[in-house]
Amino acid sequence: MAAGVIAATQLVVEAWAVLVVGGAMVVGMLGTGLGIVFHLGGRIDGQSDRIDRLTEEVALVRERVARLEGSTGTPDPSSLQPA
């Protein structure tokens, strides 16, 4: 009888151990997945900001070219210095 109780207790303890370890693995995988998502999201936001800055710079250059073309008809290459 005592051997049966010990075996049953051991089985219950092992089952709980498996559940706890399995749960920890699932939580770890979710955490890793979320970390990857947020990391990539941050990189995408950074690239988006960079694209916005480049778009603004292109607009400024186009504006300068349009002003130069309007004043002389043809832009003077020497006046097209980087900003």
C-alpha atoms as a PDB file:
ATOM      1  CA  MET A   1       0.000   0.000   0.000  1.00  0.00           C
ATOM      2  CA  ALA A   2       2.762   2.424   0.955  1.00  0.00           C
ATOM      3  CA  ALA A   3       4.602   1.625  -2.273  1.00  0.00           C
ATOM      4  CA  GLY A   4       1.454   2.486  -4.258  1.00  0.00           C
ATOM      5  CA  VAL A   5       1.074   5.832  -2.474  1.00  0.00           C
ATOM      6  CA  ILE A   6       4.741   6.648  -3.084  1.00  0.00           C
ATOM      7  CA  ALA A   7       4.448   5.697  -6.760  1.00  0.00           C
ATOM      8  CA  ALA A   8       1.288   7.809  -7.181  1.00  0.00           C
ATOM      9  CA  THR A   9       2.898  10.778  -5.430  1.00  0.00           C
ATOM     10  CA  GLN A  10       5.984  10.462  -7.598  1.00  0.00           C
ATOM     11  CA  LEU A  11       3.802  10.325 -10.722  1.00  0.00           C
ATOM     12  CA  VAL A  12       1.914  13.482  -9.683  1.00  0.00           C
ATOM     13  CA  VAL A  13       5.164  15.334  -8.907  1.00  0.00           C
ATOM     14  CA  GLU A  14       6.656  14.337 -12.256  1.00  0.00           C
ATOM     15  CA  ALA A  15       3.495  15.396 -14.088  1.00  0.00           C
ATOM     16  CA  TRP A  16       3.588  18.822 -12.412  1.00  0.00           C
ATOM     17  CA  ALA A  17       7.281  19.138 -13.215  1.00  0.00           C
ATOM     18  CA  VAL A  18       6.582  18.422 -16.879  1.00  0.00           C
ATOM     19  CA  LEU A  19       3.767  21.005 -16.896  1.00  0.00           C
ATOM     20  CA  VAL A  20       5.931  23.663 -15.237  1.00  0.00           C
ATOM     21  CA  VAL A  21       8.865  23.066 -17.582  1.00  0.00           C
ATOM     22  CA  GLY A  22       6.542  23.018 -20.600  1.00  0.00           C
ATOM     23  CA  GLY A  23       4.916  26.261 -19.470  1.00  0.00           C
ATOM     24  CA  ALA A  24       8.306  27.872 -18.970  1.00  0.00           C
ATOM     25  CA  MET A  25       9.335  26.837 -22.475  1.00  0.00           C
ATOM     26  CA  VAL A  26       6.162  28.306 -23.975  1.00  0.00           C
ATOM     27  CA  VAL A  27       6.637  31.574 -22.073  1.00  0.00           C
ATOM     28  CA  GLY A  28      10.266  31.706 -23.207  1.00  0.00           C
ATOM     29  CA  MET A  29       9.310  31.183 -26.837  1.00  0.00           C
ATOM     30  CA  LEU A  30       6.634  33.877 -26.622  1.00  0.00           C
ATOM     31  CA  GLY A  31       9.111  36.273 -25.014  1.00  0.00           C
ATOM     32  CA  THR A  32      11.688  35.587 -27.700  1.00  0.00           C
ATOM     33  CA  GLY A  33       9.109  36.062 -30.436  1.00  0.00           C
ATOM     34  CA  LEU A  34       7.919  39.350 -28.964  1.00  0.00           C
ATOM     35  CA  GLY A  35      11.505  40.520 -28.548  1.00  0.00           C
ATOM     36  CA  ILE A  36      12.222  39.821 -32.205  1.00  0.00           C
ATOM     37  CA  VAL A  37       9.029  41.587 -33.303  1.00  0.00           C
ATOM     38  CA  PHE A  38       9.761  44.703 -31.249  1.00  0.00           C
ATOM     39  CA  HIS A  39      13.413  44.752 -32.321  1.00  0.00           C
ATOM     40  CA  LEU A  40      12.495  44.552 -36.001  1.00  0.00           C
ATOM     41  CA  GLY A  41       9.725  47.089 -35.462  1.00  0.00           C
ATOM     42  CA  GLY A  42      12.267  49.531 -34.071  1.00  0.00           C
ATOM     43  CA  ARG A  43      14.564  48.993 -37.030  1.00  0.00           C
ATOM     44  CA  ILE A  44      11.691  49.547 -39.455  1.00  0.00           C
ATOM     45  CA  ASP A  45      10.760  52.783 -37.661  1.00  0.00           C
ATOM     46  CA  GLY A  46      14.368  53.929 -37.907  1.00  0.00           C
ATOM     47  CA  GLN A  47      14.438  53.225 -41.640  1.00  0.00           C
ATOM     48  CA  SER A  48      11.130  55.049 -42.046  1.00  0.00           C
ATOM     49  CA  ASP A  49      12.592  58.131 -40.346  1.00  0.00           C
ATOM     50  CA  ARG A  50      15.634  57.946 -42.602  1.00  0.00           C
ATOM     51  CA  ILE A  51      13.426  57.715 -45.693  1.00  0.00           C
ATOM     52  CA  ASP A  52      11.463  60.758 -44.492  1.00  0.00           C
ATOM     53  CA  ARG A  53      14.675  62.775 -44.071  1.00  0.00           C
ATOM     54  CA  LEU A  54      15.907  61.778 -47.526  1.00  0.00           C
ATOM     55  CA  THR A  55      12.540  62.715 -49.035  1.00  0.00           C
ATOM     56  CA  GLU A  56      12.784  66.153 -47.430  1.00  0.00           C
ATOM     57  CA  GLU A  57      16.318  66.612 -48.765  1.00  0.00           C
ATOM     58  CA  VAL A  58      15.233  65.626 -52.279  1.00  0.00           C
ATOM     59  CA  ALA A  59      12.360  68.121 -52.086  1.00  0.00           C
ATOM     60  CA  LEU A  60      14.788  70.879 -51.057  1.00  0.00           C
ATOM     61  CA  VAL A  61      17.133  70.078 -53.935  1.00  0.00           C
ATOM     62  CA  ARG A  62      14.237  70.065 -56.400  1.00  0.00           C
ATOM     63  CA  GLU A  63      13.113  73.425 -55.043  1.00  0.00           C
ATOM     64  CA  ARG A  64      16.610  74.888 -55.515  1.00  0.00           C
ATOM     65  CA  VAL A  65      16.815  73.514 -59.050  1.00  0.00           C
ATOM     66  CA  ALA A  66      13.398  74.961 -59.885  1.00  0.00           C
ATOM     67  CA  ARG A  67      14.455  78.371 -58.533  1.00  0.00           C
ATOM     68  CA  LEU A  68      17.678  78.282 -60.535  1.00  0.00           C
ATOM     69  CA  GLU A  69      15.888  77.218 -63.702  1.00  0.00           C
ATOM     70  CA  GLY A  70      13.334  79.972 -63.188  1.00  0.00           C
ATOM     71  CA  SER A  71      15.972  82.681 -62.814  1.00  0.00           C
ATOM     72  CA  THR A  72      18.305  81.731 -65.690  1.00  0.00           C
ATOM     73  CA  GLY A  73      16.388  79.162 -67.707  1.00  0.00           C
ATOM     74  CA  THR A  74      19.141  76.573 -67.187  1.00  0.00           C
ATOM     75  CA  PRO A  75      20.754  75.737 -63.869  1.00  0.00           C
ATOM     76  CA  ASP A  76      24.371  76.689 -63.413  1.00  0.00           C
ATOM     77  CA  PRO A  77      26.210  73.501 -62.343  1.00  0.00           C
ATOM     78  CA  SER A  78      28.623  75.465 -60.143  1.00  0.00           C
ATOM     79  CA  SER A  79      25.751  76.757 -57.998  1.00  0.00           C
ATOM     80  CA  LEU A  80      24.403  73.262 -57.264  1.00  0.00           C
ATOM     81  CA  GLN A  81      26.538  72.632 -54.200  1.00  0.00           C
ATOM     82  CA  PRO A  82      25.348  70.070 -51.609  1.00  0.00           C
ATOM     83  CA  ALA A  83      23.442  71.628 -48.737  1.00  0.00           C
END
